C-alpha atoms as a PDB file:
ATOM      1  CA  MET A   1      13.203 -29.731 -15.030  1.00  0.00           C
ATOM      2  CA  ASP A   2      13.628 -27.398 -17.999  1.00  0.00           C
ATOM      3  CA  LYS A   3      13.149 -23.638 -17.895  1.00  0.00           C
ATOM      4  CA  ASN A   4       9.866 -23.817 -19.839  1.00  0.00           C
ATOM      5  CA  SER A   5       8.170 -25.545 -16.904  1.00  0.00           C
ATOM      6  CA  ILE A   6       9.151 -22.835 -14.400  1.00  0.00           C
ATOM      7  CA  PRO A   7       6.265 -20.388 -13.992  1.00  0.00           C
ATOM      8  CA  ALA A   8       6.569 -16.631 -14.229  1.00  0.00           C
ATOM      9  CA  ASN A   9       5.698 -14.551 -11.208  1.00  0.00           C
ATOM     10  CA  ASP A  10       3.490 -11.535 -11.582  1.00  0.00           C
ATOM     11  CA  ALA A  11       1.437  -9.069  -9.606  1.00  0.00           C
ATOM     12  CA  GLU A  12      -1.298  -6.856 -11.018  1.00  0.00           C
ATOM     13  CA  TYR A  13      -2.655  -3.654  -9.490  1.00  0.00           C
ATOM     14  CA  ASN A  14      -5.689  -1.487 -10.111  1.00  0.00           C
ATOM     15  CA  ILE A  15      -4.208   2.023 -10.347  1.00  0.00           C
ATOM     16  CA  ALA A  16      -7.441   3.565 -11.666  1.00  0.00           C
ATOM     17  CA  GLY A  17      -5.783   6.297 -13.738  1.00  0.00           C
ATOM     18  CA  ARG A  18      -4.787   8.166 -10.552  1.00  0.00           C
ATOM     19  CA  TRP A  19      -1.002   8.140 -10.941  1.00  0.00           C
ATOM     20  CA  LYS A  20       1.578   9.790 -13.216  1.00  0.00           C
ATOM     21  CA  SER A  21       4.628   7.559 -12.826  1.00  0.00           C
ATOM     22  CA  PHE A  22       5.938   4.231 -11.553  1.00  0.00           C
ATOM     23  CA  ASP A  23       9.528   4.058 -10.332  1.00  0.00           C
ATOM     24  CA  ALA A  24      11.587   1.065  -9.194  1.00  0.00           C
ATOM     25  CA  ILE A  25      15.081  -0.376  -9.180  1.00  0.00           C
ATOM     26  CA  ILE A  26      14.991  -3.909 -10.581  1.00  0.00           C
ATOM     27  CA  GLY A  27      17.541  -6.651 -10.106  1.00  0.00           C
ATOM     28  CA  VAL A  28      18.244 -10.277  -9.232  1.00  0.00           C
ATOM     29  CA  ARG A  29      18.571 -10.996  -5.517  1.00  0.00           C
ATOM     30  CA  ASP A  30      22.166 -11.720  -4.446  1.00  0.00           C
ATOM     31  CA  ASP A  31      21.360 -15.162  -3.013  1.00  0.00           C
ATOM     32  CA  SER A  32      20.036 -16.424  -6.362  1.00  0.00           C
ATOM     33  CA  PRO A  33      21.992 -19.177  -8.161  1.00  0.00           C
ATOM     34  CA  THR A  34      24.951 -17.962 -10.200  1.00  0.00           C
ATOM     35  CA  GLY A  35      24.346 -17.809 -13.934  1.00  0.00           C
ATOM     36  CA  GLY A  36      20.588 -17.323 -13.759  1.00  0.00           C
ATOM     37  CA  ARG A  37      18.953 -14.515 -15.710  1.00  0.00           C
ATOM     38  CA  LEU A  38      15.535 -12.993 -15.189  1.00  0.00           C
ATOM     39  CA  THR A  39      13.352 -10.937 -17.497  1.00  0.00           C
ATOM     40  CA  PHE A  40      11.456  -8.063 -15.893  1.00  0.00           C
ATOM     41  CA  GLN A  41       8.442  -6.652 -17.697  1.00  0.00           C
ATOM     42  CA  VAL A  42       5.810  -4.023 -16.996  1.00  0.00           C
ATOM     43  CA  PHE A  43       2.366  -4.024 -18.589  1.00  0.00           C
ATOM     44  CA  LEU A  44      -0.021  -1.066 -18.697  1.00  0.00           C
ATOM     45  CA  ASP A  45      -3.652  -1.988 -19.359  1.00  0.00           C
ATOM     46  CA  GLY A  46      -2.455  -5.309 -20.788  1.00  0.00           C
ATOM     47  CA  SER A  47       0.094  -3.800 -23.198  1.00  0.00           C
ATOM     48  CA  PRO A  48       3.718  -4.837 -22.611  1.00  0.00           C
ATOM     49  CA  LEU A  49       6.497  -2.272 -22.284  1.00  0.00           C
ATOM     50  CA  PRO A  50      10.083  -3.158 -23.274  1.00  0.00           C
ATOM     51  CA  ALA A  51      11.506  -5.975 -21.145  1.00  0.00           C
ATOM     52  CA  HIS A  52      14.816  -5.954 -19.271  1.00  0.00           C
ATOM     53  CA  GLU A  53      16.930  -9.097 -18.831  1.00  0.00           C
ATOM     54  CA  LEU A  54      19.281  -9.039 -15.829  1.00  0.00           C
ATOM     55  CA  SER A  55      21.587 -11.371 -13.905  1.00  0.00           C
ATOM     56  CA  ILE A  56      23.158 -11.176 -10.440  1.00  0.00           C
ATOM     57  CA  GLY A  57      25.090  -7.948  -9.956  1.00  0.00           C
ATOM     58  CA  GLU A  58      23.075  -6.014 -12.524  1.00  0.00           C
ATOM     59  CA  SER A  59      20.362  -3.497 -11.740  1.00  0.00           C
ATOM     60  CA  ARG A  60      18.333  -0.968 -13.657  1.00  0.00           C
ATOM     61  CA  GLU A  61      16.328   2.061 -12.641  1.00  0.00           C
ATOM     62  CA  LEU A  62      12.842   2.279 -14.116  1.00  0.00           C
ATOM     63  CA  HIS A  63      10.840   5.472 -14.544  1.00  0.00           C
ATOM     64  CA  ILE A  64       7.610   4.742 -16.390  1.00  0.00           C
ATOM     65  CA  LYS A  65       4.843   7.193 -17.206  1.00  0.00           C
ATOM     66  CA  VAL A  66       1.515   5.628 -16.229  1.00  0.00           C
ATOM     67  CA  THR A  67      -0.798   8.624 -16.720  1.00  0.00           C
ATOM     68  CA  GLY A  68      -4.300   7.419 -17.565  1.00  0.00           C
ATOM     69  CA  ALA A  69      -3.518   3.706 -17.068  1.00  0.00           C
ATOM     70  CA  LEU A  70      -6.082   1.622 -15.191  1.00  0.00           C
ATOM     71  CA  ARG A  71      -4.000  -1.535 -14.543  1.00  0.00           C
ATOM     72  CA  LEU A  72      -0.301  -2.023 -13.780  1.00  0.00           C
ATOM     73  CA  LYS A  73       1.192  -5.512 -14.027  1.00  0.00           C
ATOM     74  CA  LEU A  74       4.722  -6.446 -12.942  1.00  0.00           C
ATOM     75  CA  LYS A  75       6.098  -9.734 -14.280  1.00  0.00           C
ATOM     76  CA  VAL A  76       9.346 -11.633 -13.690  1.00  0.00           C
ATOM     77  CA  THR A  77      10.241 -14.650 -15.841  1.00  0.00           C
ATOM     78  CA  PHE A  78      13.179 -17.053 -15.516  1.00  0.00           C
ATOM     79  CA  THR A  79      15.113 -16.511 -18.738  1.00  0.00           C
ATOM     80  CA  ALA A  80      18.320 -18.531 -18.629  1.00  0.00           C
ATOM     81  CA  GLY A  81      20.561 -20.402 -16.254  1.00  0.00           C
ATOM     82  CA  GLU A  82      22.621 -23.479 -15.762  1.00  0.00           C
ATOM     83  CA  TYR A  83      20.454 -24.861 -12.963  1.00  0.00           C
ATOM     84  CA  TYR A  84      16.782 -24.836 -13.837  1.00  0.00           C
ATOM     85  CA  ASP A  85      15.784 -26.534 -10.586  1.00  0.00           C
ATOM     86  CA  ASN A  86      17.117 -23.594  -8.541  1.00  0.00           C
ATOM     87  CA  TYR A  87      15.020 -20.458  -8.673  1.00  0.00           C
ATOM     88  CA  SER A  88      16.414 -16.971  -9.028  1.00  0.00           C
ATOM     89  CA  TYR A  89      14.645 -14.169  -7.215  1.00  0.00           C
ATOM     90  CA  GLY A  90      13.647 -10.874  -8.811  1.00  0.00           C
ATOM     91  CA  VAL A  91      13.526  -7.646  -6.816  1.00  0.00           C
ATOM     92  CA  TRP A  92      11.431  -4.536  -7.483  1.00  0.00           C
ATOM     93  CA  GLY A  93      13.291  -2.247  -5.067  1.00  0.00           C
ATOM     94  CA  ASN A  94      11.838   1.057  -3.863  1.00  0.00           C
ATOM     95  CA  ALA A  95       8.802   0.514  -6.100  1.00  0.00           C
ATOM     96  CA  GLN A  96       6.389   3.415  -5.908  1.00  0.00           C
ATOM     97  CA  LEU A  97       3.635   5.212  -7.746  1.00  0.00           C
ATOM     98  CA  SER A  98       3.638   9.008  -7.686  1.00  0.00           C
ATOM     99  CA  ASN A  99       1.723  12.017  -8.951  1.00  0.00           C
END
């Protein structure tokens, strides 16, 4: 199996313009295969924000202004790795919307 046949995982939420910010700590779960990399991306009303590519042991704090946005989409895509038949697992830790 090559990496192009592995689907991305995403979740989309109706936030109805009620929130000011989205915060999370993103990373690759520790029990994922070594060498795998994931790309994390946030979309607001269908428009992509800059993506972040991470591997095991790396994390990144996100603080995104979402004022006025109607839809929030979180997407994780398998980017690179030696073993395409073993999935890596993305984590959106402490994810929360706030005013």
